[in-house]
Amino acid sequence: MKKVEKLWAELSQWQKDILEKENIELSQVQKVELALADDLKELASEAKRIIGLQESGVKWGEKAEKQFSEVRRVLSDAEGITRGAIKQAAKLKTESQPLFNKIEVSAKELGINPNDIRGYKNAIVLVGEVFENQNELNGWNQFLKKLL
């Protein structure tokens, strides 16, 4: 009987040891789980923050694309207008010089000053202004071409 009691006592002690060990292990598992839960919460928070940045980046990218398209359109229009003005100024130069020469020759034959002919002086001033504007216009046209 003493052997049974001794065996029973050892079995009880062994059972207590197992339960204590399991409780210790459960406590450690719970601590690990809590630490991991905090890490997961922090990870989720960081992921949400980054998703917000990504969404913001997409919105800004779309805004930039829209505005860039508008800028390209304006640049293209400006380059076309400056190019057209340059061509028309060159044509005016080609056409105006013979007309001015003809007026000057006719005025000389009649013995009058070409400036006394109505519109002549104004035309000279305006055509001169066209030529004065050409350098600046050429500069803008070159600049616009580079941007396109």
N, C-alpha and C. Protein backbone atom coordinates (compact mmCIF):
# COMPACT_ATOMS: atom_id res chain seq x y z
N MET A 1 0.81 -1.16 0.00
CA MET A 1 0.00 0.00 0.00
C MET A 1 0.88 1.26 0.00
N LYS A 2 1.94 1.20 0.70
CA LYS A 2 2.86 2.34 0.73
C LYS A 2 3.41 2.61 -0.66
N LYS A 3 3.60 1.58 -1.39
CA LYS A 3 4.10 1.78 -2.75
C LYS A 3 3.05 2.48 -3.60
N VAL A 4 1.80 2.12 -3.42
CA VAL A 4 0.72 2.75 -4.17
C VAL A 4 0.61 4.21 -3.76
N GLU A 5 0.69 4.46 -2.45
CA GLU A 5 0.62 5.83 -1.97
C GLU A 5 1.79 6.65 -2.50
N LYS A 6 2.95 6.03 -2.44
CA LYS A 6 4.15 6.72 -2.95
C LYS A 6 4.00 6.99 -4.46
N LEU A 7 3.52 6.01 -5.18
CA LEU A 7 3.31 6.16 -6.62
C LEU A 7 2.25 7.24 -6.89
N TRP A 8 1.21 7.21 -6.08
CA TRP A 8 0.14 8.21 -6.22
C TRP A 8 0.69 9.60 -5.91
N ALA A 9 1.49 9.75 -4.94
CA ALA A 9 2.09 11.04 -4.57
C ALA A 9 3.01 11.53 -5.69
N GLU A 10 3.78 10.61 -6.23
CA GLU A 10 4.67 10.98 -7.34
C GLU A 10 3.86 11.39 -8.56
N LEU A 11 2.78 10.65 -8.82
CA LEU A 11 1.91 10.98 -9.94
C LEU A 11 1.26 12.34 -9.74
N SER A 12 0.82 12.64 -8.55
CA SER A 12 0.22 13.95 -8.26
C SER A 12 1.24 15.08 -8.43
N GLN A 13 2.44 14.81 -7.92
CA GLN A 13 3.49 15.82 -8.07
C GLN A 13 3.83 16.03 -9.54
N TRP A 14 3.90 14.95 -10.24
CA TRP A 14 4.19 15.03 -11.68
C TRP A 14 3.10 15.82 -12.40
N GLN A 15 1.83 15.58 -12.03
CA GLN A 15 0.70 16.30 -12.62
C GLN A 15 0.79 17.78 -12.29
N LYS A 16 1.14 18.13 -11.05
CA LYS A 16 1.29 19.53 -10.64
C LYS A 16 2.41 20.19 -11.45
N ASP A 17 3.52 19.46 -11.58
CA ASP A 17 4.66 19.99 -12.34
C ASP A 17 4.26 20.28 -13.79
N ILE A 18 3.50 19.36 -14.38
CA ILE A 18 3.05 19.54 -15.77
C ILE A 18 2.13 20.75 -15.87
N LEU A 19 1.19 20.86 -14.93
CA LEU A 19 0.26 22.00 -14.95
C LEU A 19 1.00 23.33 -14.77
N GLU A 20 1.95 23.34 -13.82
CA GLU A 20 2.73 24.56 -13.62
C GLU A 20 3.54 24.90 -14.87
N LYS A 21 4.12 23.89 -15.44
CA LYS A 21 4.91 24.10 -16.66
C LYS A 21 4.02 24.62 -17.78
N GLU A 22 2.81 24.03 -17.92
CA GLU A 22 1.88 24.50 -18.94
C GLU A 22 1.45 25.92 -18.68
N ASN A 23 1.21 26.27 -17.40
CA ASN A 23 0.84 27.65 -17.06
C ASN A 23 1.96 28.62 -17.40
N ILE A 24 3.17 28.22 -17.10
CA ILE A 24 4.31 29.05 -17.43
C ILE A 24 4.40 29.21 -18.94
N GLU A 25 4.26 28.08 -19.64
CA GLU A 25 4.33 28.14 -21.09
C GLU A 25 3.19 28.97 -21.66
N LEU A 26 2.00 28.85 -21.12
CA LEU A 26 0.87 29.65 -21.57
C LEU A 26 1.12 31.13 -21.32
N SER A 27 1.69 31.47 -20.21
CA SER A 27 2.00 32.86 -19.91
C SER A 27 3.01 33.41 -20.91
N GLN A 28 4.01 32.61 -21.22
CA GLN A 28 5.00 33.04 -22.19
C GLN A 28 4.37 33.18 -23.57
N VAL A 29 3.52 32.25 -23.95
CA VAL A 29 2.83 32.32 -25.24
C VAL A 29 1.96 33.57 -25.30
N GLN A 30 1.26 33.85 -24.20
CA GLN A 30 0.42 35.04 -24.15
C GLN A 30 1.27 36.30 -24.29
N LYS A 31 2.42 36.34 -23.63
CA LYS A 31 3.31 37.50 -23.76
C LYS A 31 3.78 37.66 -25.20
N VAL A 32 4.15 36.55 -25.81
CA VAL A 32 4.60 36.59 -27.21
C VAL A 32 3.46 37.04 -28.10
N GLU A 33 2.27 36.48 -27.85
CA GLU A 33 1.12 36.87 -28.66
C GLU A 33 0.81 38.36 -28.49
N LEU A 34 0.90 38.87 -27.28
CA LEU A 34 0.66 40.29 -27.04
C LEU A 34 1.71 41.15 -27.76
N ALA A 35 2.96 40.74 -27.68
CA ALA A 35 4.03 41.48 -28.36
C ALA A 35 3.80 41.45 -29.87
N LEU A 36 3.43 40.28 -30.39
CA LEU A 36 3.17 40.16 -31.82
C LEU A 36 1.94 40.96 -32.21
N ALA A 37 0.93 40.98 -31.35
CA ALA A 37 -0.28 41.76 -31.64
C ALA A 37 0.07 43.24 -31.72
N ASP A 38 0.93 43.72 -30.82
CA ASP A 38 1.36 45.12 -30.87
C ASP A 38 2.14 45.38 -32.16
N ASP A 39 3.01 44.44 -32.52
CA ASP A 39 3.77 44.59 -33.77
C ASP A 39 2.84 44.62 -34.97
N LEU A 40 1.84 43.74 -34.97
CA LEU A 40 0.88 43.70 -36.07
C LEU A 40 0.07 45.00 -36.14
N LYS A 41 -0.31 45.52 -34.97
CA LYS A 41 -1.06 46.77 -34.92
C LYS A 41 -0.20 47.91 -35.50
N GLU A 42 1.07 47.94 -35.12
CA GLU A 42 1.99 48.96 -35.63
C GLU A 42 2.20 48.80 -37.14
N LEU A 43 2.32 47.55 -37.58
CA LEU A 43 2.48 47.27 -39.01
C LEU A 43 1.25 47.74 -39.79
N ALA A 44 0.07 47.43 -39.28
CA ALA A 44 -1.17 47.85 -39.94
C ALA A 44 -1.28 49.36 -39.99
N SER A 45 -0.89 50.02 -38.90
CA SER A 45 -0.92 51.49 -38.86
C SER A 45 0.03 52.08 -39.90
N GLU A 46 1.22 51.50 -40.00
CA GLU A 46 2.21 51.97 -40.98
C GLU A 46 1.72 51.71 -42.41
N ALA A 47 1.09 50.56 -42.62
CA ALA A 47 0.55 50.25 -43.94
C ALA A 47 -0.54 51.25 -44.33
N LYS A 48 -1.42 51.59 -43.37
CA LYS A 48 -2.48 52.58 -43.64
C LYS A 48 -1.87 53.94 -43.99
N ARG A 49 -0.81 54.31 -43.24
CA ARG A 49 -0.15 55.60 -43.51
C ARG A 49 0.43 55.61 -44.93
N ILE A 50 1.07 54.52 -45.32
CA ILE A 50 1.67 54.43 -46.64
C ILE A 50 0.60 54.41 -47.73
N ILE A 51 -0.49 53.72 -47.47
CA ILE A 51 -1.61 53.71 -48.43
C ILE A 51 -2.13 55.13 -48.63
N GLY A 52 -2.22 55.88 -47.55
CA GLY A 52 -2.62 57.29 -47.65
C GLY A 52 -1.66 58.09 -48.51
N LEU A 53 -0.36 57.86 -48.31
CA LEU A 53 0.65 58.54 -49.13
C LEU A 53 0.52 58.14 -50.60
N GLN A 54 0.28 56.85 -50.83
CA GLN A 54 0.13 56.37 -52.20
C GLN A 54 -1.08 57.02 -52.87
N GLU A 55 -2.19 57.06 -52.15
CA GLU A 55 -3.40 57.68 -52.70
C GLU A 55 -3.16 59.16 -52.99
N SER A 56 -2.47 59.81 -52.08
CA SER A 56 -2.13 61.22 -52.28
C SER A 56 -1.20 61.37 -53.48
N GLY A 57 -0.23 60.46 -53.61
CA GLY A 57 0.69 60.49 -54.75
C GLY A 57 -0.05 60.33 -56.07
N VAL A 58 -1.02 59.42 -56.10
CA VAL A 58 -1.81 59.21 -57.32
C VAL A 58 -2.60 60.48 -57.66
N LYS A 59 -3.23 61.08 -56.65
CA LYS A 59 -4.01 62.31 -56.88
C LYS A 59 -3.10 63.42 -57.42
N TRP A 60 -1.92 63.58 -56.81
CA TRP A 60 -1.00 64.63 -57.27
C TRP A 60 -0.46 64.30 -58.66
N GLY A 61 -0.23 63.02 -58.92
CA GLY A 61 0.21 62.61 -60.25
C GLY A 61 -0.83 62.94 -61.30
N GLU A 62 -2.09 62.64 -60.99
CA GLU A 62 -3.18 62.96 -61.93
C GLU A 62 -3.29 64.46 -62.14
N LYS A 63 -3.17 65.22 -61.05
CA LYS A 63 -3.23 66.68 -61.15
C LYS A 63 -2.07 67.21 -62.01
N ALA A 64 -0.87 66.67 -61.77
CA ALA A 64 0.30 67.09 -62.54
C ALA A 64 0.13 66.75 -64.01
N GLU A 65 -0.39 65.55 -64.29
CA GLU A 65 -0.61 65.15 -65.68
C GLU A 65 -1.59 66.09 -66.37
N LYS A 66 -2.67 66.41 -65.68
CA LYS A 66 -3.69 67.30 -66.24
C LYS A 66 -3.08 68.69 -66.51
N GLN A 67 -2.38 69.22 -65.52
CA GLN A 67 -1.78 70.55 -65.69
C GLN A 67 -0.67 70.53 -66.73
N PHE A 68 0.11 69.46 -66.77
CA PHE A 68 1.16 69.36 -67.77
C PHE A 68 0.57 69.33 -69.17
N SER A 69 -0.54 68.60 -69.32
CA SER A 69 -1.22 68.56 -70.62
C SER A 69 -1.67 69.96 -71.02
N GLU A 70 -2.18 70.71 -70.07
CA GLU A 70 -2.61 72.08 -70.35
C GLU A 70 -1.40 72.96 -70.72
N VAL A 71 -0.31 72.79 -69.99
CA VAL A 71 0.90 73.56 -70.29
C VAL A 71 1.42 73.21 -71.69
N ARG A 72 1.43 71.92 -72.02
CA ARG A 72 1.88 71.50 -73.36
C ARG A 72 1.01 72.14 -74.44
N ARG A 73 -0.31 72.19 -74.19
CA ARG A 73 -1.21 72.79 -75.16
C ARG A 73 -0.89 74.28 -75.32
N VAL A 74 -0.68 74.96 -74.21
CA VAL A 74 -0.35 76.39 -74.26
C VAL A 74 0.99 76.59 -74.97
N LEU A 75 1.98 75.75 -74.65
CA LEU A 75 3.29 75.86 -75.31
C LEU A 75 3.16 75.63 -76.81
N SER A 76 2.39 74.63 -77.17
CA SER A 76 2.20 74.32 -78.59
C SER A 76 1.51 75.48 -79.31
N ASP A 77 0.47 76.02 -78.67
CA ASP A 77 -0.24 77.17 -79.26
C ASP A 77 0.70 78.37 -79.40
N ALA A 78 1.46 78.63 -78.35
CA ALA A 78 2.38 79.78 -78.37
C ALA A 78 3.45 79.60 -79.44
N GLU A 79 3.97 78.38 -79.57
CA GLU A 79 5.00 78.14 -80.59
C GLU A 79 4.39 78.31 -81.98
N GLY A 80 3.18 77.84 -82.18
CA GLY A 80 2.52 77.99 -83.49
C GLY A 80 2.26 79.44 -83.83
N ILE A 81 1.84 80.20 -82.83
CA ILE A 81 1.58 81.63 -83.07
C ILE A 81 2.87 82.37 -83.37
N THR A 82 3.93 82.10 -82.60
CA THR A 82 5.20 82.80 -82.86
C THR A 82 5.78 82.40 -84.23
N ARG A 83 5.67 81.12 -84.55
CA ARG A 83 6.16 80.65 -85.86
C ARG A 83 5.39 81.33 -86.99
N GLY A 84 4.07 81.41 -86.84
CA GLY A 84 3.24 82.06 -87.86
C GLY A 84 3.57 83.54 -88.00
N ALA A 85 3.78 84.20 -86.87
CA ALA A 85 4.12 85.63 -86.90
C ALA A 85 5.47 85.85 -87.57
N ILE A 86 6.42 84.97 -87.33
CA ILE A 86 7.74 85.07 -87.96
C ILE A 86 7.62 84.93 -89.47
N LYS A 87 6.85 83.94 -89.91
CA LYS A 87 6.66 83.72 -91.35
C LYS A 87 5.95 84.92 -91.99
N GLN A 88 4.94 85.43 -91.33
CA GLN A 88 4.20 86.56 -91.89
C GLN A 88 5.06 87.83 -91.93
N ALA A 89 5.93 87.99 -90.94
CA ALA A 89 6.83 89.15 -90.94
C ALA A 89 7.82 89.04 -92.10
N ALA A 90 8.32 87.82 -92.34
CA ALA A 90 9.25 87.63 -93.46
C ALA A 90 8.55 87.93 -94.78
N LYS A 91 7.31 87.50 -94.89
CA LYS A 91 6.53 87.77 -96.11
C LYS A 91 6.30 89.28 -96.27
N LEU A 92 5.98 89.95 -95.16
CA LEU A 92 5.76 91.41 -95.21
C LEU A 92 7.03 92.12 -95.67
N LYS A 93 8.17 91.67 -95.17
CA LYS A 93 9.45 92.28 -95.57
C LYS A 93 9.65 92.13 -97.07
N THR A 94 9.40 90.92 -97.56
CA THR A 94 9.56 90.64 -98.99
C THR A 94 8.63 91.52 -99.83
N GLU A 95 7.40 91.67 -99.36
CA GLU A 95 6.42 92.43 -100.14
C GLU A 95 6.52 93.94 -99.95
N SER A 96 6.96 94.40 -98.78
CA SER A 96 6.95 95.84 -98.49
C SER A 96 8.10 96.58 -99.16
N GLN A 97 9.24 95.97 -99.24
CA GLN A 97 10.40 96.68 -99.78
C GLN A 97 10.18 97.14 -101.23
N PRO A 98 9.70 96.28 -102.11
CA PRO A 98 9.44 96.77 -103.47
C PRO A 98 8.38 97.88 -103.52
N LEU A 99 7.37 97.77 -102.65
CA LEU A 99 6.33 98.81 -102.62
C LEU A 99 6.91 100.14 -102.16
N PHE A 100 7.72 100.12 -101.10
CA PHE A 100 8.35 101.35 -100.63
C PHE A 100 9.27 101.94 -101.70
N ASN A 101 10.03 101.06 -102.36
CA ASN A 101 10.91 101.53 -103.44
C ASN A 101 10.10 102.19 -104.55
N LYS A 102 9.01 101.58 -104.93
CA LYS A 102 8.16 102.11 -106.00
C LYS A 102 7.58 103.48 -105.61
N ILE A 103 7.13 103.60 -104.37
CA ILE A 103 6.58 104.88 -103.88
C ILE A 103 7.67 105.94 -103.88
N GLU A 104 8.86 105.60 -103.43
CA GLU A 104 9.96 106.57 -103.37
C GLU A 104 10.36 107.04 -104.78
N VAL A 105 10.41 106.10 -105.74
CA VAL A 105 10.76 106.45 -107.12
C VAL A 105 9.68 107.36 -107.71
N SER A 106 8.42 107.00 -107.49
CA SER A 106 7.30 107.80 -108.02
C SER A 106 7.29 109.19 -107.40
N ALA A 107 7.53 109.27 -106.10
CA ALA A 107 7.54 110.56 -105.41
C ALA A 107 8.68 111.43 -105.93
N LYS A 108 9.83 110.82 -106.19
CA LYS A 108 10.98 111.56 -106.70
C LYS A 108 10.69 112.10 -108.11
N GLU A 109 10.03 111.26 -108.95
CA GLU A 109 9.68 111.69 -110.30
C GLU A 109 8.71 112.87 -110.26
N LEU A 110 7.85 112.87 -109.27
CA LEU A 110 6.87 113.96 -109.14
C LEU A 110 7.44 115.15 -108.38
N GLY A 111 8.61 114.95 -107.81
CA GLY A 111 9.26 116.04 -107.09
C GLY A 111 8.66 116.27 -105.71
N ILE A 112 8.11 115.24 -105.10
CA ILE A 112 7.54 115.39 -103.75
C ILE A 112 8.27 114.47 -102.77
N ASN A 113 8.13 114.80 -101.54
CA ASN A 113 8.72 114.00 -100.46
C ASN A 113 7.80 112.80 -100.22
N PRO A 114 8.36 111.55 -100.19
CA PRO A 114 7.51 110.37 -99.96
C PRO A 114 6.73 110.46 -98.64
N ASN A 115 7.30 111.16 -97.66
CA ASN A 115 6.61 111.31 -96.36
C ASN A 115 5.33 112.13 -96.49
N ASP A 116 5.20 112.89 -97.60
CA ASP A 116 3.99 113.69 -97.81
C ASP A 116 2.86 112.84 -98.39
N ILE A 117 3.18 111.62 -98.80
CA ILE A 117 2.14 110.73 -99.34
C ILE A 117 1.39 110.13 -98.16
N ARG A 118 0.08 110.25 -98.22
CA ARG A 118 -0.77 109.78 -97.13
C ARG A 118 -0.55 108.29 -96.87
N GLY A 119 -0.25 107.93 -95.60
CA GLY A 119 -0.08 106.55 -95.17
C GLY A 119 1.34 106.03 -95.26
N TYR A 120 2.19 106.73 -96.05
CA TYR A 120 3.56 106.24 -96.24
C TYR A 120 4.34 106.24 -94.92
N LYS A 121 4.34 107.36 -94.26
CA LYS A 121 5.11 107.49 -93.01
C LYS A 121 4.61 106.48 -91.97
N ASN A 122 3.31 106.33 -91.84
CA ASN A 122 2.73 105.38 -90.89
C ASN A 122 3.13 103.94 -91.24
N ALA A 123 3.11 103.62 -92.54
CA ALA A 123 3.48 102.27 -92.99
C ALA A 123 4.95 102.00 -92.67
N ILE A 124 5.81 103.00 -92.91
CA ILE A 124 7.24 102.84 -92.59
C ILE A 124 7.43 102.56 -91.11
N VAL A 125 6.73 103.32 -90.27
CA VAL A 125 6.84 103.14 -88.81
C VAL A 125 6.37 101.74 -88.40
N LEU A 126 5.22 101.33 -88.91
CA LEU A 126 4.66 100.03 -88.54
C LEU A 126 5.53 98.87 -89.03
N VAL A 127 6.00 98.93 -90.25
CA VAL A 127 6.86 97.86 -90.77
C VAL A 127 8.17 97.84 -89.98
N GLY A 128 8.68 99.01 -89.62
CA GLY A 128 9.88 99.07 -88.79
C GLY A 128 9.66 98.39 -87.44
N GLU A 129 8.50 98.60 -86.87
CA GLU A 129 8.18 97.98 -85.59
C GLU A 129 8.10 96.45 -85.73
N VAL A 130 7.56 96.00 -86.85
CA VAL A 130 7.51 94.55 -87.10
C VAL A 130 8.93 93.98 -87.06
N PHE A 131 9.86 94.65 -87.71
CA PHE A 131 11.23 94.14 -87.76
C PHE A 131 11.93 94.25 -86.40
N GLU A 132 11.58 95.28 -85.63
CA GLU A 132 12.16 95.41 -84.29
C GLU A 132 11.70 94.27 -83.38
N ASN A 133 10.50 93.82 -83.59
CA ASN A 133 9.94 92.75 -82.74
C ASN A 133 10.48 91.36 -83.10
N GLN A 134 11.07 91.23 -84.26
CA GLN A 134 11.49 89.92 -84.74
C GLN A 134 12.51 89.23 -83.85
N ASN A 135 13.50 89.94 -83.35
CA ASN A 135 14.54 89.30 -82.52
C ASN A 135 13.93 88.68 -81.26
N GLU A 136 13.09 89.45 -80.60
CA GLU A 136 12.46 88.92 -79.39
C GLU A 136 11.55 87.74 -79.73
N LEU A 137 10.80 87.88 -80.81
CA LEU A 137 9.89 86.81 -81.22
C LEU A 137 10.67 85.55 -81.61
N ASN A 138 11.78 85.71 -82.32
CA ASN A 138 12.62 84.56 -82.67
C ASN A 138 13.13 83.87 -81.40
N GLY A 139 13.52 84.67 -80.41
CA GLY A 139 14.00 84.11 -79.14
C GLY A 139 12.92 83.29 -78.46
N TRP A 140 11.72 83.83 -78.41
CA TRP A 140 10.61 83.09 -77.79
C TRP A 140 10.30 81.81 -78.57
N ASN A 141 10.33 81.89 -79.87
CA ASN A 141 10.02 80.72 -80.68
C ASN A 141 11.04 79.61 -80.43
N GLN A 142 12.33 79.96 -80.35
CA GLN A 142 13.38 78.97 -80.08
C GLN A 142 13.20 78.35 -78.70
N PHE A 143 12.88 79.20 -77.72
CA PHE A 143 12.65 78.74 -76.36
C PHE A 143 11.47 77.75 -76.31
N LEU A 144 10.38 78.10 -76.97
CA LEU A 144 9.19 77.25 -76.97
C LEU A 144 9.46 75.90 -77.65
N LYS A 145 10.22 75.95 -78.74
CA LYS A 145 10.57 74.70 -79.43
C LYS A 145 11.36 73.77 -78.52
N LYS A 146 12.26 74.33 -77.73
CA LYS A 146 13.06 73.51 -76.80
C LYS A 146 12.17 72.85 -75.75
N LEU A 147 11.17 73.58 -75.30
CA LEU A 147 10.28 73.04 -74.28
C LEU A 147 9.39 71.92 -74.81
N LEU A 148 9.08 72.01 -76.09
CA LEU A 148 8.23 70.98 -76.70
C LEU A 148 9.09 69.80 -77.05
